[in-house]
Amino acid sequence: MSVNADLSGRRVLVVGASSGIGRAIALSAAAAGARIAVVGRRENLLDDLVKEAGGGIPIVADVSDDASAKRAVAEAVAGMGGVDAALLPFAWSSVGLLADADADMWNRTFATNVTAPTLVTRHVVPVLAEGGFIGYVSSISAAKPMHGLGAYGASKAALEHSILTWRLEHSDVRFLRIVVGPTLPTDFYRDYDWELVNKVTPRWVEHGLLEVNYLAVDEVGQVVAEAAAWILAHPAVVVEDLVLKPPLKIMTAAAVAATAAQADGSLPEGAADNALGKVQADRRAERAAEEHGHARA
């Protein structure tokens, strides 16, 4: 018995496809034969994605706005002739203690992580092909509070509650919750305050919430695309949850000491062997590239 990973002829809408997990899903879906429509806010990245995928419909939209979400879905339907699967692997997070989180942080977090997927869903449900499904990327943070990630965790918990309600109100449609563990490389950590991250990291370790291993973004994209293929191949089977995690290895205090370098310093030898170190190393590389570009300019 083999797993059917063929998406030939399937019409897949990926929202949040400019980078990270969304981009990886779109590329894997296209490689499996799907027609793709990709939505994001960065036009140049969508154009690059469509070129690499060998085709597709790029749609520039901020789906936290209802009119834009409606337009994005309509353009996808017009371009592909319908939608068999809509995948919504996007989120935004910053790091901030609840006592310091202002209204702007809360509003942006919920607009991106709760309002936007709900708006997309309300416009996809009426046009979704029979036997299709809608998939949302959630997080382990929905059930595990972490210092500095209260707003993000609350938004993911709200997203999961909305998924449960969609299932209740539209029992004829399949809604898939995809829980993804720590994944690299993505833009998810782009707006993190690394000085604050280093301060709260000991708390994460104290509660056993920081992992050494991480998922590779391309592999996550491939697994989700393969899951989409077999879910579509079995329309009479309701698949509610897909949980993706790296092999469990909790970070120790000693490992944290090796990775919590100062923002303007260099990582100690061996620090990039875990997820936190890799993220910090990536951010430093980005800053160095930006500074080099400014110097040349």
C-alpha atoms as a PDB file:
ATOM      1  CA  MET A   1       0.000   0.000   0.000  1.00  0.00           C
ATOM      2  CA  SER A   2       1.414   3.397  -0.957  1.00  0.00           C
ATOM      3  CA  VAL A   3       0.481   6.915   0.072  1.00  0.00           C
ATOM      4  CA  ASN A   4      -1.131   8.921  -2.719  1.00  0.00           C
ATOM      5  CA  ALA A   5       0.898  12.146  -2.908  1.00  0.00           C
ATOM      6  CA  ASP A   6      -0.365  13.157  -6.344  1.00  0.00           C
ATOM      7  CA  LEU A   7      -1.996  16.579  -6.618  1.00  0.00           C
ATOM      8  CA  SER A   8      -2.381  16.538 -10.392  1.00  0.00           C
ATOM      9  CA  GLY A   9      -5.379  18.603 -11.405  1.00  0.00           C
ATOM     10  CA  ARG A  10      -5.980  19.846  -7.874  1.00  0.00           C
ATOM     11  CA  ARG A  11      -6.437  23.573  -7.300  1.00  0.00           C
ATOM     12  CA  VAL A  12      -4.587  24.727  -4.210  1.00  0.00           C
ATOM     13  CA  LEU A  13      -4.810  28.190  -2.680  1.00  0.00           C
ATOM     14  CA  VAL A  14      -1.949  29.088  -0.337  1.00  0.00           C
ATOM     15  CA  VAL A  15      -2.344  32.278   1.687  1.00  0.00           C
ATOM     16  CA  GLY A  16       0.812  33.627   3.265  1.00  0.00           C
ATOM     17  CA  ALA A  17       3.007  32.182   0.541  1.00  0.00           C
ATOM     18  CA  SER A  18       5.627  34.923   0.301  1.00  0.00           C
ATOM     19  CA  SER A  19       8.077  33.102   2.541  1.00  0.00           C
ATOM     20  CA  GLY A  20       8.582  30.391   5.128  1.00  0.00           C
ATOM     21  CA  ILE A  21       6.149  27.519   5.511  1.00  0.00           C
ATOM     22  CA  GLY A  22       3.659  28.972   3.038  1.00  0.00           C
ATOM     23  CA  ARG A  23       6.262  29.235   0.333  1.00  0.00           C
ATOM     24  CA  ALA A  24       7.466  25.696   1.016  1.00  0.00           C
ATOM     25  CA  ILE A  25       3.911  24.328   0.840  1.00  0.00           C
ATOM     26  CA  ALA A  26       3.229  26.105  -2.446  1.00  0.00           C
ATOM     27  CA  LEU A  27       6.413  24.791  -4.053  1.00  0.00           C
ATOM     28  CA  SER A  28       5.751  21.238  -2.857  1.00  0.00           C
ATOM     29  CA  ALA A  29       2.140  21.363  -4.036  1.00  0.00           C
ATOM     30  CA  ALA A  30       3.210  22.590  -7.465  1.00  0.00           C
ATOM     31  CA  ALA A  31       5.874  19.882  -7.652  1.00  0.00           C
ATOM     32  CA  ALA A  32       3.141  17.312  -6.922  1.00  0.00           C
ATOM     33  CA  GLY A  33       1.132  18.553  -9.894  1.00  0.00           C
ATOM     34  CA  ALA A  34      -1.218  21.084  -8.321  1.00  0.00           C
ATOM     35  CA  ARG A  35      -2.316  24.331  -9.867  1.00  0.00           C
ATOM     36  CA  ILE A  36      -1.508  26.986  -7.289  1.00  0.00           C
ATOM     37  CA  ALA A  37      -2.717  30.461  -6.429  1.00  0.00           C
ATOM     38  CA  VAL A  38      -0.444  32.170  -3.927  1.00  0.00           C
ATOM     39  CA  VAL A  39      -1.383  35.136  -1.771  1.00  0.00           C
ATOM     40  CA  GLY A  40       0.888  37.484   0.126  1.00  0.00           C
ATOM     41  CA  ARG A  41       1.790  41.113   0.655  1.00  0.00           C
ATOM     42  CA  ARG A  42       5.214  41.110  -1.023  1.00  0.00           C
ATOM     43  CA  GLU A  43       4.750  41.099  -4.775  1.00  0.00           C
ATOM     44  CA  ASN A  44       8.387  40.479  -5.663  1.00  0.00           C
ATOM     45  CA  LEU A  45       8.534  37.359  -3.493  1.00  0.00           C
ATOM     46  CA  LEU A  46       5.312  36.015  -4.984  1.00  0.00           C
ATOM     47  CA  ASP A  47       6.667  36.569  -8.488  1.00  0.00           C
ATOM     48  CA  ASP A  48       9.861  34.704  -7.553  1.00  0.00           C
ATOM     49  CA  LEU A  49       7.795  31.867  -6.088  1.00  0.00           C
ATOM     50  CA  VAL A  50       5.634  31.470  -9.189  1.00  0.00           C
ATOM     51  CA  LYS A  51       8.728  31.483 -11.369  1.00  0.00           C
ATOM     52  CA  GLU A  52      10.411  28.786  -9.270  1.00  0.00           C
ATOM     53  CA  ALA A  53       7.217  26.727  -9.152  1.00  0.00           C
ATOM     54  CA  GLY A  54       6.927  26.805 -12.924  1.00  0.00           C
ATOM     55  CA  GLY A  55       3.585  28.557 -12.868  1.00  0.00           C
ATOM     56  CA  GLY A  56       0.838  29.825 -10.633  1.00  0.00           C
ATOM     57  CA  ILE A  57      -1.303  32.840  -9.907  1.00  0.00           C
ATOM     58  CA  PRO A  58       0.324  35.509  -7.715  1.00  0.00           C
ATOM     59  CA  ILE A  59      -2.186  37.584  -5.756  1.00  0.00           C
ATOM     60  CA  VAL A  60      -0.997  40.560  -3.736  1.00  0.00           C
ATOM     61  CA  ALA A  61      -3.334  41.183  -0.818  1.00  0.00           C
ATOM     62  CA  ASP A  62      -3.490  41.960   2.886  1.00  0.00           C
ATOM     63  CA  VAL A  63      -6.136  39.474   3.947  1.00  0.00           C
ATOM     64  CA  SER A  64      -6.666  41.096   7.334  1.00  0.00           C
ATOM     65  CA  ASP A  65      -8.837  43.473   5.293  1.00  0.00           C
ATOM     66  CA  ASP A  66     -12.173  41.908   4.365  1.00  0.00           C
ATOM     67  CA  ALA A  67     -12.404  43.435   0.888  1.00  0.00           C
ATOM     68  CA  SER A  68      -8.857  42.277   0.100  1.00  0.00           C
ATOM     69  CA  ALA A  69      -9.568  38.777   1.389  1.00  0.00           C
ATOM     70  CA  LYS A  70     -12.697  38.581  -0.760  1.00  0.00           C
ATOM     71  CA  ARG A  71     -10.795  39.802  -3.820  1.00  0.00           C
ATOM     72  CA  ALA A  72      -7.943  37.329  -3.252  1.00  0.00           C
ATOM     73  CA  VAL A  73     -10.318  34.368  -3.102  1.00  0.00           C
ATOM     74  CA  ALA A  74     -12.237  35.603  -6.148  1.00  0.00           C
ATOM     75  CA  GLU A  75      -9.031  35.965  -8.175  1.00  0.00           C
ATOM     76  CA  ALA A  76      -7.939  32.464  -7.172  1.00  0.00           C
ATOM     77  CA  VAL A  77     -11.277  31.002  -8.215  1.00  0.00           C
ATOM     78  CA  ALA A  78     -11.258  32.919 -11.495  1.00  0.00           C
ATOM     79  CA  GLY A  79      -7.699  31.887 -12.276  1.00  0.00           C
ATOM     80  CA  MET A  80      -7.942  28.218 -11.325  1.00  0.00           C
ATOM     81  CA  GLY A  81     -11.617  27.562 -11.937  1.00  0.00           C
ATOM     82  CA  GLY A  82     -12.237  26.758  -8.289  1.00  0.00           C
ATOM     83  CA  VAL A  83     -10.480  25.748  -5.067  1.00  0.00           C
ATOM     84  CA  ASP A  84      -9.965  22.184  -3.829  1.00  0.00           C
ATOM     85  CA  ALA A  85      -7.764  23.057  -0.870  1.00  0.00           C
ATOM     86  CA  ALA A  86      -7.086  26.352   0.878  1.00  0.00           C
ATOM     87  CA  LEU A  87      -4.041  26.395   3.138  1.00  0.00           C
ATOM     88  CA  LEU A  88      -3.441  29.279   5.529  1.00  0.00           C
ATOM     89  CA  PRO A  89       0.077  28.912   6.959  1.00  0.00           C
ATOM     90  CA  PHE A  90       0.688  32.483   8.085  1.00  0.00           C
ATOM     91  CA  ALA A  91       1.207  34.165  11.449  1.00  0.00           C
ATOM     92  CA  TRP A  92       2.909  37.096  13.100  1.00  0.00           C
ATOM     93  CA  SER A  93       4.576  37.326  16.472  1.00  0.00           C
ATOM     94  CA  SER A  94       6.784  39.580  18.483  1.00  0.00           C
ATOM     95  CA  VAL A  95       8.200  39.021  21.944  1.00  0.00           C
ATOM     96  CA  GLY A  96       6.792  41.064  24.796  1.00  0.00           C
ATOM     97  CA  LEU A  97       5.747  40.511  28.373  1.00  0.00           C
ATOM     98  CA  LEU A  98       2.032  41.051  28.914  1.00  0.00           C
ATOM     99  CA  ALA A  99       2.678  44.018  31.198  1.00  0.00           C
ATOM    100  CA  ASP A 100       4.516  45.710  28.331  1.00  0.00           C
ATOM    101  CA  ALA A 101       2.207  44.706  25.462  1.00  0.00           C
ATOM    102  CA  ASP A 102       0.354  47.735  24.126  1.00  0.00           C
ATOM    103  CA  ALA A 103      -2.805  47.866  22.020  1.00  0.00           C
ATOM    104  CA  ASP A 104      -0.855  48.019  18.761  1.00  0.00           C
ATOM    105  CA  MET A 105       0.868  44.714  19.520  1.00  0.00           C
ATOM    106  CA  TRP A 106      -2.396  43.003  20.445  1.00  0.00           C
ATOM    107  CA  ASN A 107      -4.237  44.418  17.452  1.00  0.00           C
ATOM    108  CA  ARG A 108      -1.562  43.389  14.957  1.00  0.00           C
ATOM    109  CA  THR A 109      -1.231  39.913  16.458  1.00  0.00           C
ATOM    110  CA  PHE A 110      -4.953  39.196  16.368  1.00  0.00           C
ATOM    111  CA  ALA A 111      -5.502  40.878  12.996  1.00  0.00           C
ATOM    112  CA  THR A 112      -2.932  38.578  11.396  1.00  0.00           C
ATOM    113  CA  ASN A 113      -3.460  35.374  13.353  1.00  0.00           C
ATOM    114  CA  VAL A 114      -7.222  35.371  13.963  1.00  0.00           C
ATOM    115  CA  THR A 115      -9.101  37.928  11.889  1.00  0.00           C
ATOM    116  CA  ALA A 116      -7.270  37.257   8.612  1.00  0.00           C
ATOM    117  CA  PRO A 117      -7.772  33.462   8.509  1.00  0.00           C
ATOM    118  CA  THR A 118     -11.403  33.921   9.529  1.00  0.00           C
ATOM    119  CA  LEU A 119     -12.008  36.413   6.720  1.00  0.00           C
ATOM    120  CA  VAL A 120     -10.363  34.147   4.152  1.00  0.00           C
ATOM    121  CA  THR A 121     -12.429  31.215   5.386  1.00  0.00           C
ATOM    122  CA  ARG A 122     -15.745  33.052   5.112  1.00  0.00           C
ATOM    123  CA  HIS A 123     -15.021  33.717   1.445  1.00  0.00           C
ATOM    124  CA  VAL A 124     -13.596  30.259   0.660  1.00  0.00           C
ATOM    125  CA  VAL A 125     -16.398  28.190   2.202  1.00  0.00           C
ATOM    126  CA  PRO A 126     -19.046  29.139  -0.409  1.00  0.00           C
ATOM    127  CA  VAL A 127     -16.739  28.341  -3.354  1.00  0.00           C
ATOM    128  CA  LEU A 128     -14.831  25.324  -2.007  1.00  0.00           C
ATOM    129  CA  ALA A 129     -15.137  22.288  -4.247  1.00  0.00           C
ATOM    130  CA  GLU A 130     -17.001  19.262  -2.932  1.00  0.00           C
ATOM    131  CA  GLY A 131     -14.578  17.057  -1.027  1.00  0.00           C
ATOM    132  CA  GLY A 132     -12.188  19.947  -0.464  1.00  0.00           C
ATOM    133  CA  PHE A 133     -10.777  21.226   2.798  1.00  0.00           C
ATOM    134  CA  ILE A 134      -9.333  24.292   4.498  1.00  0.00           C
ATOM    135  CA  GLY A 135      -6.136  23.974   6.535  1.00  0.00           C
ATOM    136  CA  TYR A 136      -4.750  26.313   9.175  1.00  0.00           C
ATOM    137  CA  VAL A 137      -1.288  26.343  10.718  1.00  0.00           C
ATOM    138  CA  SER A 138      -1.490  26.618  14.483  1.00  0.00           C
ATOM    139  CA  SER A 139       1.201  26.269  17.109  1.00  0.00           C
ATOM    140  CA  ILE A 140       2.083  24.387  20.254  1.00  0.00           C
ATOM    141  CA  SER A 141       1.977  27.846  21.876  1.00  0.00           C
ATOM    142  CA  ALA A 142      -1.830  27.671  21.828  1.00  0.00           C
ATOM    143  CA  ALA A 143      -1.703  25.189  24.700  1.00  0.00           C
ATOM    144  CA  LYS A 144       1.649  26.047  26.287  1.00  0.00           C
ATOM    145  CA  PRO A 145       2.022  29.560  27.717  1.00  0.00           C
ATOM    146  CA  MET A 146       5.527  30.977  27.423  1.00  0.00           C
ATOM    147  CA  HIS A 147       7.073  34.102  28.892  1.00  0.00           C
ATOM    148  CA  GLY A 148       7.038  36.838  26.254  1.00  0.00           C
ATOM    149  CA  LEU A 149       4.681  35.026  23.876  1.00  0.00           C
ATOM    150  CA  GLY A 150       1.377  35.625  25.635  1.00  0.00           C
ATOM    151  CA  ALA A 151      -0.236  37.592  22.819  1.00  0.00           C
ATOM    152  CA  TYR A 152       0.861  35.069  20.208  1.00  0.00           C
ATOM    153  CA  GLY A 153      -0.319  32.102  22.259  1.00  0.00           C
ATOM    154  CA  ALA A 154      -3.662  33.765  22.938  1.00  0.00           C
ATOM    155  CA  SER A 155      -4.140  34.447  19.237  1.00  0.00           C
ATOM    156  CA  LYS A 156      -3.437  30.834  18.320  1.00  0.00           C
ATOM    157  CA  ALA A 157      -5.842  29.629  21.005  1.00  0.00           C
ATOM    158  CA  ALA A 158      -8.451  31.954  19.498  1.00  0.00           C
ATOM    159  CA  LEU A 159      -7.698  30.580  16.034  1.00  0.00           C
ATOM    160  CA  GLU A 160      -8.187  27.027  17.278  1.00  0.00           C
ATOM    161  CA  HIS A 161     -11.508  27.963  18.875  1.00  0.00           C
ATOM    162  CA  SER A 162     -12.630  29.505  15.590  1.00  0.00           C
ATOM    163  CA  ILE A 163     -11.711  26.272  13.782  1.00  0.00           C
ATOM    164  CA  LEU A 164     -13.878  24.307  16.214  1.00  0.00           C
ATOM    165  CA  THR A 165     -16.743  26.699  15.553  1.00  0.00           C
ATOM    166  CA  TRP A 166     -16.317  26.484  11.777  1.00  0.00           C
ATOM    167  CA  ARG A 167     -16.615  22.703  12.111  1.00  0.00           C
ATOM    168  CA  LEU A 168     -19.780  23.108  14.158  1.00  0.00           C
ATOM    169  CA  GLU A 169     -21.420  25.625  11.834  1.00  0.00           C
ATOM    170  CA  HIS A 170     -20.327  23.983   8.577  1.00  0.00           C
ATOM    171  CA  SER A 171     -20.263  20.254   9.223  1.00  0.00           C
ATOM    172  CA  ASP A 172     -20.233  19.586   5.478  1.00  0.00           C
ATOM    173  CA  VAL A 173     -16.758  21.141   5.146  1.00  0.00           C
ATOM    174  CA  ARG A 174     -13.495  19.686   6.426  1.00  0.00           C
ATOM    175  CA  PHE A 175     -11.330  22.024   8.504  1.00  0.00           C
ATOM    176  CA  LEU A 176      -7.798  20.839   9.238  1.00  0.00           C
ATOM    177  CA  ARG A 177      -5.722  22.117  12.142  1.00  0.00           C
ATOM    178  CA  ILE A 178      -1.987  21.786  11.459  1.00  0.00           C
ATOM    179  CA  VAL A 179       0.169  22.185  14.556  1.00  0.00           C
ATOM    180  CA  VAL A 180       3.781  22.896  13.666  1.00  0.00           C
ATOM    181  CA  GLY A 181       6.694  22.848  16.077  1.00  0.00           C
ATOM    182  CA  PRO A 182       9.799  25.063  15.844  1.00  0.00           C
ATOM    183  CA  THR A 183      10.756  25.450  12.194  1.00  0.00           C
ATOM    184  CA  LEU A 184      13.664  27.096  10.370  1.00  0.00           C
ATOM    185  CA  PRO A 185      14.359  29.055   8.299  1.00  0.00           C
ATOM    186  CA  THR A 186      11.297  31.299   8.256  1.00  0.00           C
ATOM    187  CA  ASP A 187      10.483  34.995   8.688  1.00  0.00           C
ATOM    188  CA  PHE A 188       8.533  34.215  11.843  1.00  0.00           C
ATOM    189  CA  TYR A 189      11.284  35.523  14.128  1.00  0.00           C
ATOM    190  CA  ARG A 190      11.873  38.663  12.070  1.00  0.00           C
ATOM    191  CA  ASP A 191      10.403  41.090  14.618  1.00  0.00           C
ATOM    192  CA  TYR A 192      11.746  39.418  17.740  1.00  0.00           C
ATOM    193  CA  ASP A 193      13.547  41.551  20.320  1.00  0.00           C
ATOM    194  CA  TRP A 194      16.570  39.338  20.867  1.00  0.00           C
ATOM    195  CA  GLU A 195      17.680  41.145  23.990  1.00  0.00           C
ATOM    196  CA  LEU A 196      14.335  40.256  25.550  1.00  0.00           C
ATOM    197  CA  VAL A 197      14.505  36.718  24.129  1.00  0.00           C
ATOM    198  CA  ASN A 198      17.792  36.182  25.937  1.00  0.00           C
ATOM    199  CA  LYS A 199      16.205  37.432  29.168  1.00  0.00           C
ATOM    200  CA  VAL A 200      13.180  35.119  29.004  1.00  0.00           C
ATOM    201  CA  THR A 201      15.051  32.089  27.663  1.00  0.00           C
ATOM    202  CA  PRO A 202      15.926  30.822  31.173  1.00  0.00           C
ATOM    203  CA  ARG A 203      12.203  30.830  31.949  1.00  0.00           C
ATOM    204  CA  TRP A 204      11.476  28.786  28.832  1.00  0.00           C
ATOM    205  CA  VAL A 205      14.139  26.305  29.917  1.00  0.00           C
ATOM    206  CA  GLU A 206      12.833  26.223  33.485  1.00  0.00           C
ATOM    207  CA  HIS A 207       9.451  25.073  32.202  1.00  0.00           C
ATOM    208  CA  GLY A 208      10.891  22.655  29.643  1.00  0.00           C
ATOM    209  CA  LEU A 209       9.546  24.635  26.683  1.00  0.00           C
ATOM    210  CA  LEU A 210      12.683  25.223  24.641  1.00  0.00           C
ATOM    211  CA  GLU A 211      13.758  22.515  22.213  1.00  0.00           C
ATOM    212  CA  VAL A 212      17.146  21.877  20.688  1.00  0.00           C
ATOM    213  CA  ASN A 213      15.869  20.336  17.466  1.00  0.00           C
ATOM    214  CA  TYR A 214      13.807  22.063  14.828  1.00  0.00           C
ATOM    215  CA  LEU A 215      11.928  21.175  11.662  1.00  0.00           C
ATOM    216  CA  ALA A 216      13.300  22.058   8.227  1.00  0.00           C
ATOM    217  CA  VAL A 217      10.863  24.365   6.472  1.00  0.00           C
ATOM    218  CA  ASP A 218      11.107  22.568   3.127  1.00  0.00           C
ATOM    219  CA  GLU A 219      10.281  19.254   4.774  1.00  0.00           C
ATOM    220  CA  VAL A 220       7.286  20.788   6.538  1.00  0.00           C
ATOM    221  CA  GLY A 221       6.066  22.072   3.184  1.00  0.00           C
ATOM    222  CA  GLN A 222       6.455  18.648   1.635  1.00  0.00           C
ATOM    223  CA  VAL A 223       4.622  16.875   4.468  1.00  0.00           C
ATOM    224  CA  VAL A 224       1.701  19.317   4.325  1.00  0.00           C
ATOM    225  CA  ALA A 225       1.457  18.991   0.538  1.00  0.00           C
ATOM    226  CA  GLU A 226       1.512  15.204   0.802  1.00  0.00           C
ATOM    227  CA  ALA A 227      -1.139  15.337   3.518  1.00  0.00           C
ATOM    228  CA  ALA A 228      -3.273  17.556   1.284  1.00  0.00           C
ATOM    229  CA  ALA A 229      -3.013  14.976  -1.482  1.00  0.00           C
ATOM    230  CA  TRP A 230      -4.244  12.063   0.588  1.00  0.00           C
ATOM    231  CA  ILE A 231      -6.927  14.123   2.337  1.00  0.00           C
ATOM    232  CA  LEU A 232      -8.318  15.132  -1.059  1.00  0.00           C
ATOM    233  CA  ALA A 233      -8.043  11.525  -2.239  1.00  0.00           C
ATOM    234  CA  HIS A 234     -10.319  10.414   0.629  1.00  0.00           C
ATOM    235  CA  PRO A 235     -13.219  12.890   0.761  1.00  0.00           C
ATOM    236  CA  ALA A 236     -15.289  10.648   3.034  1.00  0.00           C
ATOM    237  CA  VAL A 237     -12.630  10.725   5.763  1.00  0.00           C
ATOM    238  CA  VAL A 238     -12.533  13.717   8.103  1.00  0.00           C
ATOM    239  CA  VAL A 239      -8.972  14.513   9.143  1.00  0.00           C
ATOM    240  CA  GLU A 240      -9.072  17.127  11.886  1.00  0.00           C
ATOM    241  CA  ASP A 241      -5.518  17.424  13.147  1.00  0.00           C
ATOM    242  CA  LEU A 242      -1.997  17.083  11.805  1.00  0.00           C
ATOM    243  CA  VAL A 243       0.802  17.582  14.332  1.00  0.00           C
ATOM    244  CA  LEU A 244       4.377  18.067  13.141  1.00  0.00           C
ATOM    245  CA  LYS A 245       7.218  18.115  15.659  1.00  0.00           C
ATOM    246  CA  PRO A 246      10.969  17.595  15.572  1.00  0.00           C
ATOM    247  CA  PRO A 247      12.496  14.752  17.589  1.00  0.00           C
ATOM    248  CA  LEU A 248      12.075  15.787  21.209  1.00  0.00           C
ATOM    249  CA  LYS A 249      15.188  17.074  22.908  1.00  0.00           C
ATOM    250  CA  ILE A 250      14.684  19.713  25.574  1.00  0.00           C
ATOM    251  CA  MET A 251      17.345  22.385  25.821  1.00  0.00           C
ATOM    252  CA  THR A 252      19.323  22.407  29.055  1.00  0.00           C
ATOM    253  CA  ALA A 253      20.591  25.371  31.017  1.00  0.00           C
ATOM    254  CA  ALA A 254      24.112  24.603  29.806  1.00  0.00           C
ATOM    255  CA  ALA A 255      22.984  24.808  26.199  1.00  0.00           C
ATOM    256  CA  VAL A 256      21.277  28.122  26.868  1.00  0.00           C
ATOM    257  CA  ALA A 257      24.462  29.526  28.351  1.00  0.00           C
ATOM    258  CA  ALA A 258      26.165  28.672  25.083  1.00  0.00           C
ATOM    259  CA  THR A 259      23.555  30.399  22.943  1.00  0.00           C
ATOM    260  CA  ALA A 260      22.394  33.481  24.838  1.00  0.00           C
ATOM    261  CA  ALA A 261      25.083  35.734  23.371  1.00  0.00           C
ATOM    262  CA  GLN A 262      24.776  39.504  23.390  1.00  0.00           C
ATOM    263  CA  ALA A 263      22.962  40.975  20.397  1.00  0.00           C
ATOM    264  CA  ASP A 264      26.136  42.650  19.162  1.00  0.00           C
ATOM    265  CA  GLY A 265      28.446  39.765  19.965  1.00  0.00           C
ATOM    266  CA  SER A 266      29.394  36.545  18.214  1.00  0.00           C
ATOM    267  CA  LEU A 267      27.904  33.190  19.044  1.00  0.00           C
ATOM    268  CA  PRO A 268      30.113  30.870  21.075  1.00  0.00           C
ATOM    269  CA  GLU A 269      31.480  27.847  19.277  1.00  0.00           C
ATOM    270  CA  GLY A 270      28.810  25.198  18.885  1.00  0.00           C
ATOM    271  CA  ALA A 271      25.948  27.552  19.717  1.00  0.00           C
ATOM    272  CA  ALA A 272      24.424  27.219  16.248  1.00  0.00           C
ATOM    273  CA  ASP A 273      23.781  23.532  16.873  1.00  0.00           C
ATOM    274  CA  ASN A 274      20.318  24.285  18.237  1.00  0.00           C
ATOM    275  CA  ALA A 275      17.295  26.188  17.022  1.00  0.00           C
ATOM    276  CA  LEU A 276      17.716  29.309  19.148  1.00  0.00           C
ATOM    277  CA  GLY A 277      21.349  29.622  18.148  1.00  0.00           C
ATOM    278  CA  LYS A 278      20.514  29.167  14.480  1.00  0.00           C
ATOM    279  CA  VAL A 279      17.858  31.875  14.600  1.00  0.00           C
ATOM    280  CA  GLN A 280      20.242  34.293  16.266  1.00  0.00           C
ATOM    281  CA  ALA A 281      22.966  33.429  13.766  1.00  0.00           C
ATOM    282  CA  ASP A 282      20.564  33.988  10.869  1.00  0.00           C
ATOM    283  CA  ARG A 283      19.493  37.374  12.236  1.00  0.00           C
ATOM    284  CA  ARG A 284      23.113  38.449  12.666  1.00  0.00           C
ATOM    285  CA  ALA A 285      23.871  37.375   9.109  1.00  0.00           C
ATOM    286  CA  GLU A 286      20.910  39.421   7.855  1.00  0.00           C
ATOM    287  CA  ARG A 287      22.061  42.487   9.784  1.00  0.00           C
ATOM    288  CA  ALA A 288      25.597  42.066   8.475  1.00  0.00           C
ATOM    289  CA  ALA A 289      24.307  41.844   4.913  1.00  0.00           C
ATOM    290  CA  GLU A 290      22.184  44.958   5.411  1.00  0.00           C
ATOM    291  CA  GLU A 291      25.118  46.882   6.878  1.00  0.00           C
ATOM    292  CA  HIS A 292      27.347  45.736   4.023  1.00  0.00           C
ATOM    293  CA  GLY A 293      24.757  46.924   1.529  1.00  0.00           C
ATOM    294  CA  HIS A 294      24.472  50.314   3.205  1.00  0.00           C
ATOM    295  CA  ALA A 295      28.253  50.658   3.282  1.00  0.00           C
ATOM    296  CA  ARG A 296      28.491  49.926  -0.441  1.00  0.00           C
ATOM    297  CA  ALA A 297      25.702  52.406  -1.167  1.00  0.00           C
END
